[in-house]
Amino acid sequence: MPRLTLLAAATAVAFTGFANAQDLTPQELQAQLTQLTQEVNQLKQQQAANATATPSKPSAPAFEIGGRIQLDYNLFNGAYNAEHNGSSAQDIFPRRVRTFVEGELQDWDYKLLLEFAENTAEIVMARMRYSGFENGPKLQFGKLREDISLDALTSSNHIALIERSSLADTMSPYFRWGVSAYQYFPSTGLRYALGVYKNDAFGSDGKDETDDLNYALSSRVTWSQAKEPGQVLHAGLWYSARQMGGDDLSASFARGELRETNTRLINYVAGGETAAIDNLNQAGLELAFQHNGLLLQGEYAQRSLNTQDPQSVLDGERYQAYYLQASYFLTGEQRSYSKGSAVFSQPKGVTDAWELAARFSSVDASSDFQGTKAQTYTLGVSYYFNPKIKVMANYIHSSVDGAGTIALVGNEDVGDAFAARLQYVF
């Protein structure tokens, strides 16, 4: 009960009791004063109970509508435009135009996320979640984000650089249809996530030659220590086993941390042939350290192939990736950390803030006879007008190596780019 309401109630009781004080004996006045004191104490107790009570879950559906618009500009040359002899090229395009509706009803909640392009719309996420198990896991059903890679799990609204690392783009399928469970244990700082999905990623169409489903099993275990805001230690391990059903693994693993380019720099097929894959396995390690406005994070991951033809030169081939990233708020803000999801996000309520970021990443998709390896350096600056509007600018430099370099980019084995983004979240 608000303080003014409490005061009004006490005043009303007082006026009621003392209106006829002149007609009462001293003993009767003392009795009314005692009664008034008791009633005021009861009101105080009720106010304290209301303040500490756990809010009840809504009995009627509640929902929210929102979205994001990310408008990008790119200027690039060299390896990024190798198909045109490395000449300078540029583009302006909507990187993401998304809208969502989400809501909850008692122990259930849902989220539908749609992405729009010219003349098309795509379901990015369609999630139903149940959280009714006391001290138990949360269950999710639908098109879900697989728990793979700290960088891949960070919302595009909150990433410190315009594009995610090549590791994230290589290893994560992002959203897939399936079911998963996850749980966080506050007493230990441990969190686990386990999911089974339809694997229609990395070149698989989701079914094998008998039209049976190709499955993916993905899991992630993290530990975090975050005793106070801005002071976080994070460590994680993840693993993913994926059936491919004999489909060819997609030739290109990642672009090189720049969108809408003519050449994708990380390509295991360059100078050779594709491989029909029976299954592939992926695993990764995550580490992060936050001290106030400074956030350091890095990951290492590996992918191994099991081809349908055991005589293939790519059978048992292993590809590896890693990155190191640092970001720092010049104006003193600090990123938020979700223990329940084990990911970072932009500072809550951030306004009039500057952030610097830098990253070095490497993905090796080369073998003895084919494929490429790309190393990318990115420097970035972001200005947050408010929590909804952000402007970003990045400089990107990439170099390409490996047996398939000439086949992929010719003599244009180095590329430079400038990228800018205007982001509005509603």
Protein backbone atom coordinates (compact mmCIF):
# COMPACT_ATOMS: atom_id res chain seq x y z
CA MET A 1 0.00 0.00 0.00
CA PRO A 2 1.50 3.40 -0.92
CA ARG A 3 2.63 5.68 1.89
CA LEU A 4 -0.06 8.29 1.06
CA THR A 5 -2.78 5.64 1.24
CA LEU A 6 -1.52 4.53 4.64
CA LEU A 7 -1.52 8.11 5.87
CA ALA A 8 -5.03 8.72 4.55
CA ALA A 9 -6.34 5.60 6.24
CA ALA A 10 -4.78 6.54 9.56
CA THR A 11 -6.14 10.08 9.28
CA ALA A 12 -9.63 8.82 8.54
CA VAL A 13 -9.54 6.56 11.57
CA ALA A 14 -8.25 9.41 13.71
CA PHE A 15 -10.98 11.85 12.66
CA THR A 16 -13.63 9.20 13.12
CA GLY A 17 -12.40 8.37 16.57
CA PHE A 18 -11.84 11.88 17.87
CA ALA A 19 -14.81 13.62 16.33
CA ASN A 20 -16.75 13.00 19.53
CA ALA A 21 -13.79 13.16 21.89
CA GLN A 22 -15.51 15.81 24.02
CA ASP A 23 -18.22 13.30 25.01
CA LEU A 24 -15.77 10.57 26.15
CA THR A 25 -14.22 9.84 29.51
CA PRO A 26 -10.39 9.62 29.84
CA GLN A 27 -10.64 5.80 29.97
CA GLU A 28 -12.66 5.71 26.74
CA LEU A 29 -10.22 8.07 25.05
CA GLN A 30 -7.32 5.80 26.06
CA ALA A 31 -9.16 2.77 24.66
CA GLN A 32 -9.75 4.51 21.31
CA LEU A 33 -6.11 5.60 21.15
CA THR A 34 -5.00 2.00 21.73
CA GLN A 35 -7.38 0.78 19.01
CA LEU A 36 -6.08 3.41 16.59
CA THR A 37 -2.48 2.38 17.25
CA GLN A 38 -3.34 -1.27 16.56
CA GLU A 39 -5.08 -0.41 13.29
CA VAL A 40 -2.12 1.69 12.10
CA ASN A 41 0.27 -1.18 12.93
CA GLN A 42 -1.93 -3.59 10.96
CA LEU A 43 -1.84 -1.25 7.96
CA LYS A 44 1.97 -1.09 8.20
CA GLN A 45 2.22 -4.89 8.31
CA GLN A 46 -0.06 -5.20 5.29
CA GLN A 47 2.06 -2.67 3.39
CA ALA A 48 5.27 -4.60 4.20
CA ALA A 49 3.69 -7.90 3.13
CA ASN A 50 2.54 -6.43 -0.18
CA ALA A 51 6.02 -5.05 -0.85
CA THR A 52 7.73 -8.44 -0.41
CA ALA A 53 5.09 -10.66 -1.98
CA THR A 54 6.03 -12.54 -5.17
CA PRO A 55 3.99 -11.19 -8.09
CA SER A 56 1.46 -13.70 -9.28
CA LYS A 57 1.65 -14.95 -12.83
CA PRO A 58 -0.95 -13.43 -15.12
CA SER A 59 -4.15 -15.44 -15.49
CA ALA A 60 -4.93 -13.71 -18.79
CA PRO A 61 -2.61 -13.59 -21.81
CA ALA A 62 -0.15 -10.67 -21.91
CA PHE A 63 1.87 -9.83 -24.99
CA GLU A 64 4.37 -7.35 -26.41
CA ILE A 65 5.20 -6.30 -29.97
CA GLY A 66 8.60 -5.00 -31.08
CA GLY A 67 11.33 -5.31 -33.66
CA ARG A 68 14.53 -3.94 -35.16
CA ILE A 69 15.76 -2.21 -38.30
CA GLN A 70 19.45 -2.36 -39.19
CA LEU A 71 20.52 -0.36 -42.24
CA ASP A 72 24.08 -1.07 -43.43
CA TYR A 73 26.59 0.52 -45.79
CA ASN A 74 29.65 -1.39 -47.04
CA LEU A 75 32.70 -0.30 -49.05
CA PHE A 76 35.18 -3.06 -49.92
CA ASN A 77 37.97 -4.14 -52.27
CA GLY A 78 40.64 -6.79 -52.82
CA ALA A 79 39.73 -10.32 -51.81
CA TYR A 80 36.18 -9.29 -50.95
CA ASN A 81 35.66 -8.37 -54.62
CA ALA A 82 38.02 -10.88 -56.24
CA GLU A 83 35.49 -11.71 -58.95
CA HIS A 84 36.01 -8.18 -60.27
CA ASN A 85 39.81 -8.08 -59.96
CA GLY A 86 39.65 -6.59 -56.48
CA SER A 87 38.23 -3.25 -57.56
CA SER A 88 36.36 -1.11 -55.05
CA ALA A 89 32.66 -1.82 -54.64
CA GLN A 90 29.96 -0.60 -52.29
CA ASP A 91 26.41 -1.32 -51.26
CA ILE A 92 23.67 -0.04 -48.98
CA PHE A 93 21.08 -2.54 -47.79
CA PRO A 94 18.78 -3.52 -44.91
CA ARG A 95 20.80 -6.02 -42.88
CA ARG A 96 17.85 -6.98 -40.72
CA VAL A 97 14.22 -5.91 -40.68
CA ARG A 98 12.53 -7.97 -37.99
CA THR A 99 9.41 -7.80 -35.89
CA PHE A 100 8.29 -9.98 -33.02
CA VAL A 101 5.34 -10.69 -30.80
CA GLU A 102 5.82 -12.36 -27.43
CA GLY A 103 3.70 -13.02 -24.41
CA GLU A 104 3.03 -15.24 -21.43
CA LEU A 105 0.21 -17.04 -19.70
CA GLN A 106 0.89 -18.62 -16.30
CA ASP A 107 3.76 -21.13 -16.77
CA TRP A 108 3.92 -20.71 -20.56
CA ASP A 109 5.42 -18.03 -22.76
CA TYR A 110 5.92 -17.68 -26.49
CA LYS A 111 7.84 -15.62 -29.04
CA LEU A 112 7.37 -15.32 -32.80
CA LEU A 113 10.15 -13.50 -34.68
CA LEU A 114 9.75 -12.67 -38.38
CA GLU A 115 12.30 -11.28 -40.83
CA PHE A 116 11.25 -9.31 -43.90
CA ALA A 117 13.02 -8.93 -47.23
CA GLU A 118 11.80 -7.78 -50.62
CA ASN A 119 8.59 -9.71 -51.38
CA THR A 120 9.35 -12.37 -48.73
CA ALA A 121 9.01 -13.03 -45.02
CA GLU A 122 10.76 -15.73 -42.99
CA ILE A 123 10.11 -17.23 -39.59
CA VAL A 124 13.35 -16.70 -37.68
CA MET A 125 12.07 -17.98 -34.32
CA ALA A 126 8.82 -19.61 -33.23
CA ARG A 127 9.23 -20.63 -29.59
CA MET A 128 6.93 -22.05 -26.95
CA ARG A 129 8.48 -22.34 -23.49
CA TYR A 130 7.33 -24.03 -20.30
CA SER A 131 8.77 -22.97 -16.94
CA GLY A 132 6.42 -24.69 -14.51
CA PHE A 133 8.88 -27.17 -12.99
CA GLU A 134 9.82 -25.95 -9.52
CA ASN A 135 13.62 -25.99 -9.27
CA GLY A 136 13.64 -27.79 -12.61
CA PRO A 137 14.55 -27.10 -16.24
CA LYS A 138 12.77 -24.88 -18.70
CA LEU A 139 11.52 -26.63 -21.84
CA GLN A 140 11.38 -25.07 -25.31
CA PHE A 141 9.63 -26.22 -28.47
CA GLY A 142 9.63 -24.85 -32.02
CA LYS A 143 12.21 -23.01 -34.09
CA LEU A 144 14.90 -22.26 -31.54
CA ARG A 145 18.36 -20.76 -31.35
CA GLU A 146 20.78 -23.64 -30.79
CA ASP A 147 23.03 -23.23 -27.74
CA ILE A 148 26.29 -23.01 -29.71
CA SER A 149 28.97 -20.30 -29.24
CA LEU A 150 28.85 -17.29 -26.92
CA ASP A 151 29.20 -14.96 -29.90
CA ALA A 152 26.46 -16.67 -31.91
CA LEU A 153 24.07 -16.53 -28.95
CA THR A 154 24.53 -12.79 -28.45
CA SER A 155 21.61 -10.90 -30.02
CA SER A 156 22.45 -8.84 -33.11
CA ASN A 157 20.95 -5.91 -31.18
CA HIS A 158 23.79 -6.14 -28.67
CA ILE A 159 26.94 -7.21 -30.55
CA ALA A 160 29.90 -4.84 -30.20
CA LEU A 161 30.91 -5.10 -33.88
CA ILE A 162 28.68 -4.99 -36.95
CA GLU A 163 29.13 -8.67 -37.82
CA ARG A 164 29.75 -11.67 -35.61
CA SER A 165 33.03 -13.58 -35.76
CA SER A 166 33.76 -16.04 -38.56
CA LEU A 167 33.81 -18.76 -35.89
CA ALA A 168 30.18 -18.08 -35.03
CA ASP A 169 29.12 -18.01 -38.68
CA THR A 170 31.03 -21.24 -39.40
CA MET A 171 29.93 -23.31 -36.43
CA SER A 172 26.44 -22.10 -35.52
CA PRO A 173 23.31 -22.99 -37.50
CA TYR A 174 21.56 -20.27 -35.45
CA PHE A 175 17.81 -21.15 -35.48
CA ARG A 176 16.49 -24.67 -36.16
CA TRP A 177 13.27 -26.62 -35.46
CA GLY A 178 13.50 -28.82 -32.40
CA VAL A 179 13.11 -29.17 -28.65
CA SER A 180 15.50 -28.19 -25.88
CA ALA A 181 15.86 -27.91 -22.12
CA TYR A 182 18.06 -25.67 -20.01
CA GLN A 183 18.59 -24.86 -16.35
CA TYR A 184 20.71 -22.52 -14.23
CA PHE A 185 21.90 -23.40 -10.70
CA PRO A 186 22.46 -20.22 -8.66
CA SER A 187 24.34 -22.01 -5.88
CA THR A 188 27.13 -23.16 -8.20
CA GLY A 189 26.93 -20.80 -11.17
CA LEU A 190 26.50 -23.76 -13.52
CA ARG A 191 24.08 -23.84 -16.44
CA TYR A 192 23.34 -26.57 -18.96
CA ALA A 193 21.40 -26.67 -22.22
CA LEU A 194 20.54 -29.74 -24.29
CA GLY A 195 18.54 -29.90 -27.50
CA VAL A 196 17.55 -32.13 -30.41
CA TYR A 197 16.90 -30.44 -33.75
CA LYS A 198 16.18 -31.08 -37.41
CA ASN A 199 19.51 -30.58 -39.15
CA ASP A 200 18.77 -28.66 -42.33
CA ALA A 201 21.98 -26.63 -41.99
CA PHE A 202 25.47 -26.67 -43.51
CA GLY A 203 24.20 -28.13 -46.80
CA SER A 204 21.83 -30.77 -45.43
CA ASP A 205 18.22 -30.55 -46.59
CA GLY A 206 17.10 -32.11 -43.31
CA LYS A 207 16.44 -35.62 -44.66
CA ASP A 208 18.51 -38.61 -45.77
CA GLU A 209 18.17 -40.71 -48.93
CA THR A 210 15.23 -42.64 -47.39
CA ASP A 211 13.42 -39.38 -46.57
CA ASP A 212 14.06 -39.86 -42.85
CA LEU A 213 14.98 -36.86 -40.71
CA ASN A 214 18.57 -35.81 -40.17
CA TYR A 215 18.99 -34.99 -36.49
CA ALA A 216 21.37 -32.74 -34.61
CA LEU A 217 22.18 -33.06 -30.92
CA SER A 218 23.63 -29.90 -29.36
CA SER A 219 24.64 -29.21 -25.78
CA ARG A 220 26.32 -26.41 -23.84
CA VAL A 221 27.60 -26.22 -20.27
CA THR A 222 28.69 -22.93 -18.75
CA TRP A 223 29.98 -21.66 -15.43
CA SER A 224 29.82 -18.05 -14.38
CA GLN A 225 30.73 -15.98 -11.37
CA ALA A 226 28.99 -12.61 -11.24
CA LYS A 227 28.87 -11.45 -7.63
CA GLU A 228 28.08 -7.87 -8.64
CA PRO A 229 27.23 -6.02 -11.88
CA GLY A 230 30.23 -5.42 -14.11
CA GLN A 231 32.36 -8.15 -12.51
CA VAL A 232 31.91 -11.39 -14.47
CA LEU A 233 33.91 -14.54 -15.13
CA HIS A 234 32.45 -16.89 -17.76
CA ALA A 235 33.60 -20.26 -19.09
CA GLY A 236 31.74 -22.62 -21.37
CA LEU A 237 31.96 -25.80 -23.41
CA TRP A 238 29.63 -26.85 -26.20
CA TYR A 239 29.30 -29.87 -28.49
CA SER A 240 27.15 -30.64 -31.54
CA ALA A 241 26.76 -33.93 -33.45
CA ARG A 242 24.93 -33.57 -36.77
CA GLN A 243 23.63 -36.11 -39.28
CA MET A 244 24.11 -35.02 -42.90
CA GLY A 245 22.46 -37.96 -44.70
CA GLY A 246 24.97 -38.01 -47.54
CA ASP A 247 24.41 -34.38 -48.56
CA ASP A 248 27.35 -32.27 -49.70
CA LEU A 249 28.77 -29.96 -47.07
CA SER A 250 28.23 -26.33 -48.12
CA ALA A 251 31.38 -25.05 -49.81
CA SER A 252 31.48 -21.68 -48.07
CA PHE A 253 31.83 -21.60 -44.29
CA ALA A 254 31.83 -17.81 -43.77
CA ARG A 255 32.18 -14.54 -45.67
CA GLY A 256 34.97 -12.94 -43.69
CA GLU A 257 32.87 -10.77 -41.34
CA LEU A 258 31.39 -8.57 -44.07
CA ARG A 259 27.99 -8.97 -45.75
CA GLU A 260 26.89 -8.59 -49.38
CA THR A 261 30.35 -9.20 -50.88
CA ASN A 262 30.99 -11.00 -54.14
CA THR A 263 33.44 -13.50 -52.65
CA ARG A 264 33.13 -15.56 -49.48
CA LEU A 265 36.64 -15.97 -48.14
CA ILE A 266 36.37 -19.19 -46.11
CA ASN A 267 35.77 -22.07 -48.53
CA TYR A 268 36.80 -25.69 -47.97
CA VAL A 269 36.12 -26.65 -51.64
CA ALA A 270 38.30 -24.00 -53.35
CA GLY A 271 40.72 -25.75 -55.69
CA GLY A 272 39.14 -29.15 -55.08
CA GLU A 273 35.81 -30.94 -54.77
CA THR A 274 32.83 -31.07 -52.43
CA ALA A 275 32.38 -34.01 -50.10
CA ALA A 276 29.24 -36.04 -49.35
CA ILE A 277 29.04 -36.15 -45.55
CA ASP A 278 27.57 -38.89 -43.39
CA ASN A 279 27.88 -36.83 -40.21
CA LEU A 280 29.97 -34.06 -38.71
CA ASN A 281 30.94 -33.20 -35.15
CA GLN A 282 31.69 -29.79 -33.67
CA ALA A 283 32.96 -28.66 -30.28
CA GLY A 284 34.00 -25.36 -28.78
CA LEU A 285 35.40 -23.55 -25.74
CA GLU A 286 34.28 -20.10 -24.49
CA LEU A 287 36.02 -17.73 -22.07
CA ALA A 288 35.02 -14.21 -21.02
CA PHE A 289 36.10 -11.68 -18.39
CA GLN A 290 34.33 -8.42 -17.57
CA HIS A 291 35.61 -5.62 -15.37
CA ASN A 292 33.25 -2.64 -15.40
CA GLY A 293 33.29 -1.18 -18.93
CA LEU A 294 35.89 -3.66 -20.23
CA LEU A 295 34.82 -7.00 -21.72
CA LEU A 296 37.32 -9.57 -23.00
CA GLN A 297 36.07 -12.73 -24.68
CA GLY A 298 37.44 -15.49 -26.87
CA GLU A 299 36.47 -18.84 -28.33
CA TYR A 300 38.07 -21.86 -29.96
CA ALA A 301 36.12 -24.43 -31.99
CA GLN A 302 36.76 -27.44 -34.20
CA ARG A 303 34.74 -29.32 -36.84
CA SER A 304 35.48 -32.89 -37.98
CA LEU A 305 34.05 -34.65 -41.05
CA ASN A 306 32.94 -38.24 -41.60
CA THR A 307 32.39 -38.68 -45.33
CA GLN A 308 30.14 -41.29 -46.92
CA ASP A 309 33.10 -42.51 -48.96
CA PRO A 310 35.78 -43.68 -46.52
CA GLN A 311 38.33 -43.30 -49.32
CA SER A 312 37.67 -39.57 -49.66
CA VAL A 313 40.69 -37.35 -49.04
CA LEU A 314 38.46 -35.31 -46.73
CA ASP A 315 37.37 -38.21 -44.52
CA GLY A 316 38.39 -37.36 -40.96
CA GLU A 317 39.40 -33.83 -41.95
CA ARG A 318 39.39 -31.30 -39.10
CA TYR A 319 38.81 -27.56 -39.42
CA GLN A 320 39.47 -25.12 -36.61
CA ALA A 321 38.52 -21.57 -35.73
CA TYR A 322 39.19 -19.05 -32.98
CA TYR A 323 38.83 -15.36 -32.14
CA LEU A 324 39.82 -12.86 -29.46
CA GLN A 325 37.68 -9.77 -28.87
CA ALA A 326 37.81 -6.75 -26.57
CA SER A 327 35.27 -3.97 -26.06
CA TYR A 328 35.35 -0.95 -23.76
CA PHE A 329 32.89 1.82 -22.88
CA LEU A 330 34.69 5.15 -22.81
CA THR A 331 31.79 6.71 -20.92
CA GLY A 332 31.80 4.22 -18.04
CA GLU A 333 28.83 1.96 -18.87
CA GLN A 334 29.04 -1.80 -18.50
CA ARG A 335 27.42 -4.63 -20.40
CA SER A 336 24.73 -6.72 -18.73
CA TYR A 337 25.20 -10.45 -18.18
CA SER A 338 22.33 -12.93 -18.05
CA LYS A 339 23.12 -15.87 -15.79
CA GLY A 340 20.05 -17.74 -17.01
CA SER A 341 21.15 -17.56 -20.66
CA ALA A 342 24.93 -17.18 -20.15
CA VAL A 343 25.23 -14.29 -22.64
CA PHE A 344 26.09 -10.58 -22.57
CA SER A 345 23.93 -7.69 -23.78
CA GLN A 346 24.25 -3.94 -24.09
CA PRO A 347 24.00 -1.86 -20.89
CA LYS A 348 20.47 -1.31 -19.65
CA GLY A 349 19.23 2.19 -20.29
CA VAL A 350 22.42 3.14 -22.14
CA THR A 351 22.32 6.76 -23.34
CA ASP A 352 24.91 9.10 -24.88
CA ALA A 353 27.61 6.41 -24.68
CA TRP A 354 30.72 5.54 -26.72
CA GLU A 355 32.09 2.01 -27.12
CA LEU A 356 35.33 0.85 -28.76
CA ALA A 357 35.83 -2.74 -29.94
CA ALA A 358 38.53 -4.84 -31.61
CA ARG A 359 38.69 -8.45 -32.76
CA PHE A 360 41.11 -10.87 -34.36
CA SER A 361 39.64 -14.04 -35.82
CA SER A 362 40.88 -17.00 -37.82
CA VAL A 363 39.15 -19.92 -39.55
CA ASP A 364 41.19 -22.65 -41.23
CA ALA A 365 39.10 -24.54 -43.81
CA SER A 366 42.11 -25.73 -45.77
CA SER A 367 43.54 -29.20 -46.28
CA ASP A 368 46.59 -30.47 -48.16
CA PHE A 369 45.02 -30.06 -51.60
CA GLN A 370 42.14 -27.59 -51.32
CA GLY A 371 40.40 -24.98 -49.20
CA THR A 372 41.29 -21.62 -47.71
CA LYS A 373 42.24 -20.06 -44.42
CA ALA A 374 41.17 -16.50 -43.57
CA GLN A 375 42.40 -14.17 -40.86
CA THR A 376 40.39 -11.04 -40.11
CA TYR A 377 41.12 -7.92 -38.06
CA THR A 378 38.23 -5.63 -37.13
CA LEU A 379 38.24 -2.26 -35.35
CA GLY A 380 34.98 -0.61 -34.41
CA VAL A 381 33.36 2.32 -32.68
CA SER A 382 29.72 2.62 -31.64
CA TYR A 383 27.68 5.54 -30.37
CA TYR A 384 24.49 4.87 -28.39
CA PHE A 385 22.05 7.76 -28.64
CA ASN A 386 19.74 5.82 -26.32
CA PRO A 387 18.74 2.16 -25.78
CA LYS A 388 16.89 2.14 -29.11
CA ILE A 389 19.19 3.98 -31.52
CA LYS A 390 22.84 3.11 -32.19
CA VAL A 391 25.35 4.05 -34.90
CA MET A 392 28.31 1.75 -35.65
CA ALA A 393 31.41 2.04 -37.86
CA ASN A 394 33.95 -0.75 -38.53
CA TYR A 395 37.21 -1.14 -40.42
CA ILE A 396 37.90 -4.72 -41.56
CA HIS A 397 41.11 -6.22 -42.97
CA SER A 398 41.30 -9.85 -44.13
CA SER A 399 43.99 -12.06 -45.63
CA VAL A 400 43.48 -15.40 -47.39
CA ASP A 401 45.86 -18.37 -47.44
CA GLY A 402 45.75 -22.09 -48.16
CA ALA A 403 45.92 -24.51 -51.09
CA GLY A 404 42.78 -23.12 -52.70
CA THR A 405 43.68 -19.43 -52.53
CA ILE A 406 44.45 -18.97 -56.23
CA ALA A 407 41.28 -20.83 -57.24
CA LEU A 408 39.13 -18.65 -54.98
CA VAL A 409 40.61 -15.14 -55.14
CA GLY A 410 43.48 -15.30 -57.64
CA ASN A 411 46.15 -12.81 -56.65
CA GLU A 412 43.71 -10.79 -54.54
CA ASP A 413 44.61 -12.46 -51.25
CA VAL A 414 44.08 -9.34 -49.11
CA GLY A 415 40.87 -7.36 -48.68
CA ASP A 416 39.91 -4.16 -46.88
CA ALA A 417 36.48 -2.83 -46.03
CA PHE A 418 34.59 -0.09 -44.24
CA ALA A 419 31.15 -0.85 -42.82
CA ALA A 420 28.58 1.35 -41.10
CA ARG A 421 25.22 0.64 -39.47
CA LEU A 422 22.25 2.63 -38.22
CA GLN A 423 20.19 0.53 -35.81
CA TYR A 424 16.72 1.26 -34.46
CA VAL A 425 15.04 -1.08 -31.97
CA PHE A 426 11.34 -0.66 -31.23
